[in-house]
Amino acid sequence: MFDSGAKTSFISKAALKRTKHLPINTNPQRYLMADGCTSFKAIGFVKIIIEFGGIKTNILVGVVSSLCTDCILGMDYINKYKVNLNSKDQQIQIHTLKNMVTIPMENQIDNVKVLCRLISSTCIYPYQEKKIQIGTQVSSGQLLFFPAYHLTHYKNLISPHAFISIINHSAWISVYNPAASTCYLKSNIIIGTAAPSSTVAYISTILDTKAKDTTYEVNTTPLTSTSEQNIANSLMHLQDQQEFLRTQQILTRHHQLFDTTTTTIAETTKAHVICTRDAPPTTSRPYPQTNEKQNAMFNILQQMLKNKQIRPPHSQYSAPVLLVKKRDGSYRFIIDYRKLNDITIPDNYPLPNREHALEQVGGQRFYTKLDLRSGYFQIPIRHTICSAGTKPLQDRIEKILSIPQPTSLKQANAFIGTIGWYRKYIQDYAKIAAPILAVTNLITKNKYKFKWDTPQREAFNQLKNILINEPLFLNYPDSDATLILSTDASDYSIGGVLYQEINGERKNIYFHSQMLPK
């Protein structure tokens, strides 16, 4: 079978056994179908000889345990021999360097059957008719669909025998649930089989035999073991089965991003521009390095050149390189651009307000954190965010609880500065912390007046107890509910609470309190 949607050619293990062939090069690789979900494994590769009309051709094929037909010839074979699939005249033309052979398309293909698997998990509710998307190993064509036995007899679903149009390895079928209970179908289960009909003409890509070799973008890309492992590790925390399957499908569709064995660079048409003042190019001599670091730097540069991350320079600018050893013994490649920075016009991009940014993610349950490989800085989010609101990270609270009673002004200021980050979670914070604030707001010449007596110790312990016992949680505002502002004041502080009453329950959104100037 010719498949213009497959990048690589494959042969079934059973068909290979019926031939005399060269030894199999055992190099297992996993391939991903165009549906972004279904994968299959090639146990190795072998070069086979295929004869058409007296002309012998050869191609390296992947050996697969289960295949919809004996052999699939993909784009590697079609490009190599300039195969012209002429569906109008029902002919196939194959070209070699010296010869060309024309053979008729065979219509006796009733023995070819392909499995149809569900691409995404879905629920079919009682008495509901639903269209579901299925994936096949065939890239395109018109096939006759047969529903699977377990689908109609065990799941008690109704699906008709019908012709389906396969485009880009996928098609749609209709399924009806006549029962009074919901039926759940997991992704990748077999929905049925599809077979060609002799009355249906195949639609295939017709290649221009005079055209040069072309690189075709196809979706059958190898799925590496590293990608599989990294995706599995990323999904370990998901408990809900439906969320797990949906997220797995998305990550598998973009599995190349999870392959950390090779270095990749971004492909973009935009170029970064460094705007400098009217100054000559900056130059610096290389820093002296030990022999060990010189060898390490050479190896790093060669690897970066190989990965096309850098290229040989043709510029008047130069900057020295530093190698800083990491914990694992490898080196971090750092360039000292301080001279260039001195003549660069800064690009002052306004940073977003943190509180506003947290409000924007209100009500959401899934978040992504971009962790750059080989990045110099990894900045964690200070608060725990969920679909209902925010709360402080537990490990940050534990660090505050481990702080001992201060014995100096410096230690007291450190404590009040640390716990001040969480004042919006603590009602009447300014009133509770007033005894501590009274002895910490001292100028340098009055540091000797610092004292830590009973009021300060009680306030210190009360703030710690609030972190342990009270629910430190702020809700996101509900746009359909009324906002209520409650305020209070005393001779030395003011405070307020912004909250909403929803279904008889109070939802705190923000606490504010501050000391009044004397």
Protein backbone atom coordinates (compact mmCIF):
# COMPACT_ATOMS: atom_id res chain seq x y z
CA MET A 1 0.00 0.00 0.00
CA PHE A 2 1.26 3.48 -0.91
CA ASP A 3 0.65 6.08 1.83
CA SER A 4 1.53 9.68 0.96
CA GLY A 5 0.81 10.72 4.55
CA ALA A 6 3.55 8.55 6.08
CA LYS A 7 7.11 9.78 6.22
CA THR A 8 8.62 6.31 6.68
CA SER A 9 7.91 2.95 5.06
CA PHE A 10 6.91 -0.04 7.23
CA ILE A 11 6.49 -3.80 6.88
CA SER A 12 4.66 -6.19 9.17
CA LYS A 13 6.70 -8.77 11.04
CA ALA A 14 4.54 -11.58 9.65
CA ALA A 15 5.08 -10.47 6.04
CA LEU A 16 8.83 -10.15 6.58
CA LYS A 17 9.02 -13.75 7.83
CA ARG A 18 7.66 -14.97 4.49
CA THR A 19 10.66 -13.49 2.64
CA LYS A 20 14.41 -13.95 2.56
CA HIS A 21 15.75 -10.77 4.05
CA LEU A 22 18.84 -9.19 5.53
CA PRO A 23 19.33 -9.21 9.32
CA ILE A 24 17.10 -6.74 11.19
CA ASN A 25 18.93 -3.79 12.71
CA THR A 26 17.37 -3.82 16.17
CA ASN A 27 16.83 -0.17 17.02
CA PRO A 28 13.36 0.23 18.56
CA GLN A 29 11.66 3.57 17.86
CA ARG A 30 8.19 4.83 18.65
CA TYR A 31 6.21 6.77 16.06
CA LEU A 32 3.24 9.06 16.53
CA MET A 33 0.21 9.08 14.27
CA ALA A 34 -1.11 12.34 12.83
CA ASP A 35 -3.98 12.32 15.34
CA GLY A 36 -1.44 13.33 17.98
CA CYS A 37 -2.55 10.50 20.28
CA THR A 38 -2.05 7.04 18.78
CA SER A 39 1.49 5.70 18.77
CA PHE A 40 3.08 2.51 17.48
CA LYS A 41 6.48 0.91 17.83
CA ALA A 42 8.96 -0.23 15.19
CA ILE A 43 11.09 -3.03 16.62
CA GLY A 44 13.90 -2.41 14.12
CA PHE A 45 14.82 -1.61 10.53
CA VAL A 46 15.78 -3.71 7.52
CA LYS A 47 16.46 -3.04 3.83
CA ILE A 48 14.06 -4.94 1.57
CA ILE A 49 13.88 -5.40 -2.20
CA ILE A 50 10.55 -4.75 -3.95
CA GLU A 51 10.06 -5.73 -7.60
CA PHE A 52 7.54 -4.01 -9.88
CA GLY A 53 7.25 -5.15 -13.53
CA GLY A 54 10.78 -6.54 -13.60
CA ILE A 55 12.35 -3.45 -11.98
CA LYS A 56 13.94 -4.04 -8.59
CA THR A 57 13.80 -1.28 -5.99
CA ASN A 58 15.00 -1.19 -2.41
CA ILE A 59 14.10 0.81 0.67
CA LEU A 60 14.85 0.80 4.40
CA VAL A 61 11.63 -0.05 6.25
CA GLY A 62 10.58 -0.21 9.88
CA VAL A 63 9.46 -3.61 11.14
CA VAL A 64 6.11 -3.42 12.98
CA SER A 65 4.40 -6.22 14.89
CA SER A 66 0.90 -5.22 13.76
CA LEU A 67 0.08 -3.37 10.55
CA CYS A 68 -3.11 -2.77 8.56
CA THR A 69 -1.49 -4.44 5.52
CA ASP A 70 1.68 -6.35 4.70
CA CYS A 71 3.71 -3.29 3.71
CA ILE A 72 3.23 0.49 3.65
CA LEU A 73 5.40 2.51 1.29
CA GLY A 74 5.63 6.06 2.55
CA MET A 75 7.06 9.34 1.29
CA ASP A 76 10.65 8.09 1.57
CA TYR A 77 9.91 5.49 -1.15
CA ILE A 78 7.64 7.80 -3.19
CA ASN A 79 10.30 10.53 -3.32
CA LYS A 80 13.17 8.14 -4.02
CA TYR A 81 11.51 6.57 -7.07
CA LYS A 82 9.35 9.50 -8.22
CA VAL A 83 6.19 7.44 -7.78
CA ASN A 84 3.18 8.89 -9.61
CA LEU A 85 -0.12 7.68 -8.15
CA ASN A 86 -2.61 8.35 -10.94
CA SER A 87 -6.05 7.65 -9.48
CA LYS A 88 -7.83 8.87 -12.63
CA ASP A 89 -6.25 6.24 -14.90
CA GLN A 90 -5.87 3.76 -12.02
CA GLN A 91 -2.12 3.49 -12.71
CA ILE A 92 1.09 3.72 -10.73
CA GLN A 93 4.33 4.90 -12.35
CA ILE A 94 7.68 4.11 -10.73
CA HIS A 95 10.92 5.68 -11.99
CA THR A 96 14.53 4.58 -11.56
CA LEU A 97 17.66 6.14 -13.03
CA LYS A 98 17.36 4.09 -16.25
CA ASN A 99 13.82 2.74 -16.43
CA MET A 100 10.18 3.53 -15.79
CA VAL A 101 7.44 1.00 -15.15
CA THR A 102 3.66 1.44 -15.18
CA ILE A 103 1.49 -0.97 -13.21
CA PRO A 104 -2.28 -1.01 -12.66
CA MET A 105 -3.84 -0.27 -9.30
CA GLU A 106 -5.27 -3.42 -7.79
CA ASN A 107 -8.87 -3.38 -6.66
CA GLN A 108 -8.79 -6.75 -4.87
CA ILE A 109 -7.99 -5.28 -1.47
CA ASP A 110 -10.84 -6.64 0.63
CA ASN A 111 -8.36 -8.30 2.99
CA VAL A 112 -6.99 -4.93 4.12
CA LYS A 113 -8.51 -3.75 7.39
CA VAL A 114 -7.36 -0.92 9.62
CA LEU A 115 -8.17 -0.31 13.26
CA CYS A 116 -10.08 2.84 14.16
CA ARG A 117 -9.29 4.24 17.61
CA LEU A 118 -10.92 7.03 19.59
CA ILE A 119 -8.74 10.16 19.59
CA SER A 120 -10.13 11.91 22.70
CA SER A 121 -11.95 10.56 25.75
CA THR A 122 -15.63 11.44 25.74
CA CYS A 123 -18.92 10.94 27.58
CA ILE A 124 -22.12 10.05 25.74
CA TYR A 125 -25.14 10.96 27.85
CA PRO A 126 -28.45 9.03 27.92
CA TYR A 127 -30.35 9.15 24.62
CA GLN A 128 -27.67 11.34 23.08
CA GLU A 129 -26.33 11.06 19.55
CA LYS A 130 -22.78 12.35 19.29
CA LYS A 131 -20.13 12.69 16.62
CA ILE A 132 -16.74 11.36 17.74
CA GLN A 133 -13.35 11.63 16.05
CA ILE A 134 -11.42 8.46 15.27
CA GLY A 135 -7.83 7.96 14.14
CA THR A 136 -6.47 5.40 11.66
CA GLN A 137 -3.14 4.33 10.20
CA VAL A 138 -4.36 5.39 6.74
CA SER A 139 -3.61 9.02 5.95
CA SER A 140 -6.51 9.72 3.55
CA GLY A 141 -9.19 8.01 1.48
CA GLN A 142 -12.75 6.64 1.46
CA LEU A 143 -13.24 3.52 3.60
CA LEU A 144 -16.17 1.46 4.84
CA PHE A 145 -16.49 1.59 8.65
CA PHE A 146 -17.55 -1.43 10.76
CA PRO A 147 -18.30 -0.79 14.48
CA ALA A 148 -16.45 -2.98 16.99
CA TYR A 149 -18.31 -5.87 18.66
CA HIS A 150 -17.63 -4.65 22.20
CA LEU A 151 -18.93 -1.18 21.27
CA THR A 152 -22.36 -2.48 20.22
CA HIS A 153 -22.73 -5.47 22.58
CA TYR A 154 -20.90 -4.48 25.79
CA LYS A 155 -21.18 -0.68 25.67
CA ASN A 156 -24.68 -1.02 24.09
CA LEU A 157 -24.01 1.86 21.71
CA ILE A 158 -25.40 2.14 18.20
CA SER A 159 -23.13 3.12 15.32
CA PRO A 160 -23.97 2.52 11.65
CA HIS A 161 -21.90 0.77 9.01
CA ALA A 162 -21.01 3.70 6.80
CA PHE A 163 -18.47 5.15 4.41
CA ILE A 164 -16.06 7.52 6.15
CA SER A 165 -13.79 10.16 4.65
CA ILE A 166 -10.33 9.96 6.19
CA ILE A 167 -8.37 13.20 6.10
CA ASN A 168 -5.00 13.57 7.83
CA HIS A 169 -5.37 10.17 9.55
CA SER A 170 -8.74 11.02 11.16
CA ALA A 171 -12.48 10.81 10.45
CA TRP A 172 -15.82 11.40 12.19
CA ILE A 173 -18.52 8.84 12.97
CA SER A 174 -21.90 9.07 14.68
CA VAL A 175 -22.63 7.14 17.90
CA TYR A 176 -26.00 6.91 19.72
CA ASN A 177 -26.55 5.94 23.37
CA PRO A 178 -30.05 4.37 23.77
CA ALA A 179 -29.55 3.60 27.48
CA ALA A 180 -30.62 5.64 30.52
CA SER A 181 -27.05 5.80 31.86
CA THR A 182 -24.01 7.74 30.70
CA CYS A 183 -21.39 5.83 28.71
CA TYR A 184 -17.73 6.85 29.08
CA LEU A 185 -15.24 6.03 26.30
CA LYS A 186 -11.51 6.28 26.98
CA SER A 187 -9.13 7.63 24.38
CA ASN A 188 -7.24 5.14 22.19
CA ILE A 189 -9.83 2.35 22.55
CA ILE A 190 -10.81 0.48 19.38
CA ILE A 191 -14.08 1.86 18.01
CA GLY A 192 -14.16 -0.36 14.94
CA THR A 193 -12.39 -1.30 11.74
CA ALA A 194 -12.34 0.23 8.28
CA ALA A 195 -11.76 -1.50 4.97
CA PRO A 196 -11.50 -0.28 1.38
CA SER A 197 -14.29 -1.06 -1.05
CA SER A 198 -13.68 -1.96 -4.67
CA THR A 199 -16.34 0.61 -5.63
CA VAL A 200 -14.44 3.46 -4.00
CA ALA A 201 -11.61 5.22 -5.81
CA TYR A 202 -8.55 6.18 -3.81
CA ILE A 203 -7.47 9.81 -3.70
CA SER A 204 -3.68 10.04 -3.55
CA THR A 205 -1.02 12.67 -4.05
CA ILE A 206 0.11 12.88 -7.71
CA LEU A 207 3.75 13.86 -8.00
CA ASP A 208 5.33 15.68 -10.91
CA THR A 209 8.01 13.30 -12.21
CA LYS A 210 10.04 16.24 -13.50
CA ALA A 211 10.10 18.06 -10.18
CA LYS A 212 13.07 17.97 -7.85
CA ASP A 213 13.01 16.16 -4.52
CA THR A 214 10.78 17.92 -2.04
CA THR A 215 10.74 17.71 1.72
CA TYR A 216 7.22 16.96 2.88
CA GLU A 217 5.92 17.96 6.28
CA VAL A 218 4.15 14.97 7.76
CA ASN A 219 2.83 14.15 11.19
CA THR A 220 4.37 10.69 11.65
CA THR A 221 7.32 11.75 13.82
CA PRO A 222 9.34 9.54 16.17
CA LEU A 223 8.27 9.66 19.81
CA THR A 224 11.44 9.24 21.87
CA SER A 225 11.63 7.45 25.21
CA THR A 226 12.87 10.68 26.81
CA SER A 227 9.76 12.53 25.65
CA GLU A 228 7.52 9.74 26.96
CA GLN A 229 9.25 9.75 30.35
CA ASN A 230 9.17 13.54 30.72
CA ILE A 231 5.49 13.66 29.77
CA ALA A 232 4.70 10.88 32.26
CA ASN A 233 6.55 12.74 35.03
CA SER A 234 4.64 15.93 34.22
CA LEU A 235 1.28 14.16 34.64
CA MET A 236 1.96 12.24 37.86
CA HIS A 237 0.08 14.78 40.02
CA LEU A 238 -3.21 14.53 38.08
CA GLN A 239 -5.75 12.37 39.91
CA ASP A 240 -8.84 12.85 37.73
CA GLN A 241 -8.79 10.30 34.90
CA GLN A 242 -10.47 12.57 32.34
CA GLU A 243 -8.11 15.46 33.09
CA PHE A 244 -5.16 13.07 32.88
CA LEU A 245 -6.19 11.74 29.46
CA ARG A 246 -6.98 15.17 27.99
CA THR A 247 -3.71 16.65 29.22
CA GLN A 248 -1.73 13.62 28.04
CA GLN A 249 -3.17 14.03 24.54
CA ILE A 250 -2.14 17.70 24.39
CA LEU A 251 1.40 17.03 25.63
CA THR A 252 1.86 14.03 23.35
CA ARG A 253 0.78 16.10 20.36
CA HIS A 254 3.71 18.43 21.12
CA HIS A 255 6.10 15.71 22.28
CA GLN A 256 9.11 17.28 20.52
CA LEU A 257 9.17 19.97 23.24
CA PHE A 258 9.78 17.31 25.90
CA ASP A 259 12.81 15.74 24.22
CA THR A 260 15.72 17.10 26.28
CA THR A 261 18.35 14.90 24.63
CA THR A 262 18.89 17.37 21.80
CA THR A 263 19.36 21.13 21.84
CA THR A 264 16.79 23.12 19.89
CA ILE A 265 16.48 26.79 19.05
CA ALA A 266 13.42 28.91 18.38
CA GLU A 267 12.45 29.53 14.78
CA THR A 268 11.36 33.12 14.30
CA THR A 269 11.50 35.75 11.59
CA LYS A 270 11.93 38.60 14.09
CA ALA A 271 15.43 39.81 14.96
CA HIS A 272 16.42 41.32 18.30
CA VAL A 273 17.95 44.80 18.01
CA ILE A 274 20.28 46.34 20.61
CA CYS A 275 20.06 50.13 20.43
CA THR A 276 23.34 51.81 21.42
CA ARG A 277 24.26 55.42 21.92
CA ASP A 278 26.73 57.25 19.67
CA ALA A 279 29.70 55.29 20.96
CA PRO A 280 32.37 53.16 19.29
CA PRO A 281 32.10 49.35 19.51
CA THR A 282 33.16 47.94 22.86
CA THR A 283 36.05 45.48 22.99
CA SER A 284 37.65 43.49 25.80
CA ARG A 285 40.51 41.06 26.04
CA PRO A 286 39.79 37.45 27.04
CA TYR A 287 40.10 36.62 30.72
CA PRO A 288 42.96 34.25 31.64
CA GLN A 289 41.76 30.67 32.08
CA THR A 290 43.26 27.45 33.39
CA ASN A 291 43.96 24.63 30.95
CA GLU A 292 40.94 22.76 32.26
CA LYS A 293 38.62 25.72 31.60
CA GLN A 294 40.15 26.36 28.19
CA ASN A 295 39.40 22.78 27.15
CA ALA A 296 35.89 23.00 28.60
CA MET A 297 35.26 26.29 26.79
CA PHE A 298 36.44 24.81 23.49
CA ASN A 299 34.08 21.84 23.87
CA ILE A 300 31.13 24.10 24.76
CA LEU A 301 31.77 26.35 21.77
CA GLN A 302 32.02 23.39 19.41
CA GLN A 303 28.73 22.01 20.70
CA MET A 304 27.02 25.41 20.33
CA LEU A 305 28.34 25.71 16.77
CA LYS A 306 27.05 22.23 15.98
CA ASN A 307 23.61 23.13 17.39
CA LYS A 308 23.62 26.38 15.36
CA GLN A 309 23.23 28.44 18.53
CA ILE A 310 26.21 30.60 17.54
CA ARG A 311 28.22 31.33 14.40
CA PRO A 312 31.77 32.63 13.73
CA PRO A 313 31.83 36.41 14.40
CA HIS A 314 32.36 39.16 11.85
CA SER A 315 31.89 42.10 14.21
CA GLN A 316 34.00 44.81 15.82
CA TYR A 317 32.40 44.06 19.20
CA SER A 318 33.92 41.56 21.61
CA ALA A 319 33.26 40.47 25.19
CA PRO A 320 35.11 38.06 27.50
CA VAL A 321 33.70 34.72 28.61
CA LEU A 322 33.49 33.36 32.15
CA LEU A 323 33.01 29.71 33.10
CA VAL A 324 31.26 29.17 36.42
CA LYS A 325 31.15 25.64 37.80
CA LYS A 326 27.71 24.22 38.62
CA ARG A 327 26.86 21.83 41.45
CA ASP A 328 27.08 18.83 39.12
CA GLY A 329 30.62 19.77 38.06
CA SER A 330 29.70 21.08 34.61
CA TYR A 331 30.28 24.69 33.56
CA ARG A 332 27.85 27.54 33.02
CA PHE A 333 28.82 29.66 30.01
CA ILE A 334 28.61 33.37 30.91
CA ILE A 335 29.55 36.38 28.77
CA ASP A 336 30.59 39.63 30.46
CA TYR A 337 28.53 42.22 28.58
CA ARG A 338 28.96 45.03 31.12
CA LYS A 339 30.75 47.32 28.66
CA LEU A 340 28.04 46.79 26.07
CA ASN A 341 25.35 47.43 28.68
CA ASP A 342 26.95 50.79 29.53
CA ILE A 343 26.33 52.12 26.00
CA THR A 344 22.97 50.40 25.48
CA ILE A 345 19.76 52.42 25.55
CA PRO A 346 17.60 50.49 28.04
CA ASP A 347 14.31 49.03 26.87
CA ASN A 348 12.10 50.00 29.80
CA TYR A 349 9.21 47.57 29.64
CA PRO A 350 6.61 48.14 32.39
CA LEU A 351 6.28 45.19 34.74
CA PRO A 352 2.69 44.05 35.39
CA ASN A 353 1.13 44.66 38.78
CA ARG A 354 1.32 41.45 40.81
CA GLU A 355 -2.11 41.81 42.40
CA HIS A 356 -3.73 42.51 39.03
CA ALA A 357 -1.97 39.51 37.48
CA LEU A 358 -3.28 37.18 40.20
CA GLU A 359 -6.82 38.49 39.66
CA GLN A 360 -6.60 37.64 35.95
CA VAL A 361 -6.19 33.92 36.72
CA GLY A 362 -9.21 33.85 39.00
CA GLY A 363 -11.40 30.77 38.64
CA GLN A 364 -8.85 28.75 36.66
CA ARG A 365 -7.52 25.35 37.75
CA PHE A 366 -4.62 24.68 35.38
CA TYR A 367 -1.49 26.83 35.15
CA THR A 368 1.78 26.53 33.30
CA LYS A 369 5.19 27.61 34.52
CA LEU A 370 7.86 28.17 31.88
CA ASP A 371 11.03 26.52 33.17
CA LEU A 372 13.88 27.44 30.85
CA ARG A 373 16.58 24.82 30.48
CA SER A 374 20.04 26.30 31.21
CA GLY A 375 18.34 29.44 32.55
CA TYR A 376 20.26 31.51 35.09
CA PHE A 377 17.24 32.44 37.22
CA GLN A 378 14.21 30.42 38.26
CA ILE A 379 11.64 32.65 39.97
CA PRO A 380 8.87 30.78 41.82
CA ILE A 381 5.38 32.18 42.37
CA ARG A 382 5.12 33.41 45.91
CA HIS A 383 1.55 32.28 46.55
CA THR A 384 -0.39 29.08 45.96
CA ILE A 385 -3.06 29.71 43.30
CA CYS A 386 -6.16 27.55 42.77
CA SER A 387 -9.53 27.92 41.09
CA ALA A 388 -11.11 29.62 44.12
CA GLY A 389 -8.39 31.98 45.34
CA THR A 390 -4.87 32.36 46.71
CA LYS A 391 -3.07 31.38 49.89
CA PRO A 392 0.57 31.60 51.06
CA LEU A 393 2.91 28.71 50.27
CA GLN A 394 3.15 26.29 53.18
CA ASP A 395 6.96 26.13 53.12
CA ARG A 396 7.11 29.95 53.45
CA ILE A 397 4.83 29.79 56.51
CA GLU A 398 7.03 27.09 58.08
CA LYS A 399 10.09 29.31 57.66
CA ILE A 400 8.31 32.13 59.53
CA LEU A 401 7.27 29.74 62.31
CA SER A 402 10.91 28.73 62.79
CA ILE A 403 12.00 32.34 63.50
CA PRO A 404 12.94 32.70 67.23
CA GLN A 405 11.99 35.63 69.47
CA PRO A 406 14.05 38.65 68.32
CA THR A 407 16.78 39.95 70.62
CA SER A 408 17.90 42.92 68.50
CA LEU A 409 16.40 45.65 66.34
CA LYS A 410 17.81 43.97 63.21
CA GLN A 411 16.09 40.66 64.02
CA ALA A 412 12.79 42.40 64.83
CA ASN A 413 12.87 44.33 61.55
CA ALA A 414 13.63 41.09 59.68
CA PHE A 415 10.59 39.39 61.24
CA ILE A 416 8.18 42.25 60.60
CA GLY A 417 9.49 42.60 57.04
CA THR A 418 8.95 38.89 56.37
CA ILE A 419 5.47 38.59 57.83
CA GLY A 420 4.50 41.90 56.23
CA TRP A 421 4.27 40.07 52.89
CA TYR A 422 1.17 38.30 54.24
CA ARG A 423 -0.61 41.27 55.81
CA LYS A 424 -3.39 41.08 53.20
CA TYR A 425 -4.28 37.60 54.56
CA ILE A 426 -4.44 38.73 58.21
CA GLN A 427 -7.40 40.72 59.52
CA ASP A 428 -6.42 43.68 61.78
CA TYR A 429 -2.75 43.10 60.99
CA ALA A 430 -1.70 46.66 61.89
CA LYS A 431 -3.51 46.50 65.25
CA ILE A 432 -1.96 43.13 66.16
CA ALA A 433 1.54 44.14 65.03
CA ALA A 434 1.35 47.62 66.63
CA PRO A 435 3.55 46.76 69.68
CA ILE A 436 6.30 45.44 67.39
CA LEU A 437 6.02 48.35 64.95
CA ALA A 438 6.31 50.76 67.87
CA VAL A 439 9.82 49.52 68.73
CA THR A 440 11.09 48.91 65.19
CA ASN A 441 10.34 52.30 63.63
CA LEU A 442 13.54 53.78 65.05
CA ILE A 443 16.14 55.89 63.32
CA THR A 444 19.81 54.93 63.61
CA LYS A 445 20.64 57.24 66.50
CA ASN A 446 17.71 55.87 68.54
CA LYS A 447 18.57 52.17 68.10
CA TYR A 448 19.55 51.97 71.76
CA LYS A 449 15.88 52.58 72.71
CA PHE A 450 14.89 49.19 71.28
CA LYS A 451 13.21 46.90 73.81
CA TRP A 452 11.43 43.56 73.51
CA ASP A 453 9.03 43.15 76.41
CA THR A 454 5.77 41.35 77.08
CA PRO A 455 3.58 43.29 74.54
CA GLN A 456 6.06 42.53 71.75
CA ARG A 457 6.33 38.85 72.69
CA GLU A 458 2.54 38.51 72.80
CA ALA A 459 2.15 40.18 69.38
CA PHE A 460 4.94 37.96 67.99
CA ASN A 461 3.21 34.80 69.23
CA GLN A 462 -0.25 35.97 68.12
CA LEU A 463 0.94 36.56 64.55
CA LYS A 464 2.48 33.08 64.47
CA ASN A 465 -0.72 31.52 65.83
CA ILE A 466 -2.76 33.21 63.11
CA LEU A 467 -0.52 31.58 60.49
CA ILE A 468 -1.24 28.17 62.02
CA ASN A 469 -4.87 28.31 63.12
CA GLU A 470 -6.76 30.74 60.89
CA PRO A 471 -7.63 29.96 57.25
CA LEU A 472 -5.22 32.14 55.27
CA PHE A 473 -7.22 32.24 52.07
CA LEU A 474 -8.40 35.05 49.80
CA ASN A 475 -11.18 34.41 47.29
CA TYR A 476 -11.43 35.77 43.78
CA PRO A 477 -14.28 38.30 43.38
CA ASP A 478 -17.52 37.01 41.87
CA SER A 479 -18.69 39.43 39.16
CA ASP A 480 -22.35 38.51 39.86
CA ALA A 481 -22.24 39.28 43.61
CA THR A 482 -22.22 42.62 45.46
CA LEU A 483 -18.91 43.87 46.85
CA ILE A 484 -19.03 44.90 50.53
CA LEU A 485 -16.40 47.11 52.19
CA SER A 486 -16.23 47.02 56.01
CA THR A 487 -13.97 49.60 57.70
CA ASP A 488 -12.73 50.27 61.22
CA ALA A 489 -10.39 52.78 62.86
CA SER A 490 -8.75 53.57 66.18
CA ASP A 491 -6.44 56.26 67.49
CA TYR A 492 -3.37 54.62 65.98
CA SER A 493 -4.52 52.42 63.06
CA ILE A 494 -7.14 51.97 60.35
CA GLY A 495 -8.35 48.82 58.64
CA GLY A 496 -10.85 47.42 56.19
CA VAL A 497 -12.15 44.18 54.68
CA LEU A 498 -13.42 43.74 51.13
CA TYR A 499 -15.76 40.74 50.95
CA GLN A 500 -18.89 39.25 49.36
CA GLU A 501 -21.86 37.32 50.75
CA ILE A 502 -22.48 34.28 48.51
CA ASN A 503 -25.15 31.72 49.48
CA GLY A 504 -25.03 32.92 53.07
CA GLU A 505 -21.26 32.42 53.28
CA ARG A 506 -18.74 35.23 53.66
CA LYS A 507 -15.96 35.27 51.04
CA ASN A 508 -13.01 37.49 52.03
CA ILE A 509 -11.28 39.11 49.06
CA TYR A 510 -8.76 41.47 50.67
CA PHE A 511 -7.65 42.69 54.12
CA HIS A 512 -6.06 46.13 54.51
CA SER A 513 -4.65 47.77 57.64
CA GLN A 514 -2.02 50.36 58.41
CA MET A 515 -0.62 52.39 61.27
CA LEU A 516 -1.45 56.09 61.52
CA PRO A 517 1.43 58.57 61.76
CA LYS A 518 1.98 60.02 65.21
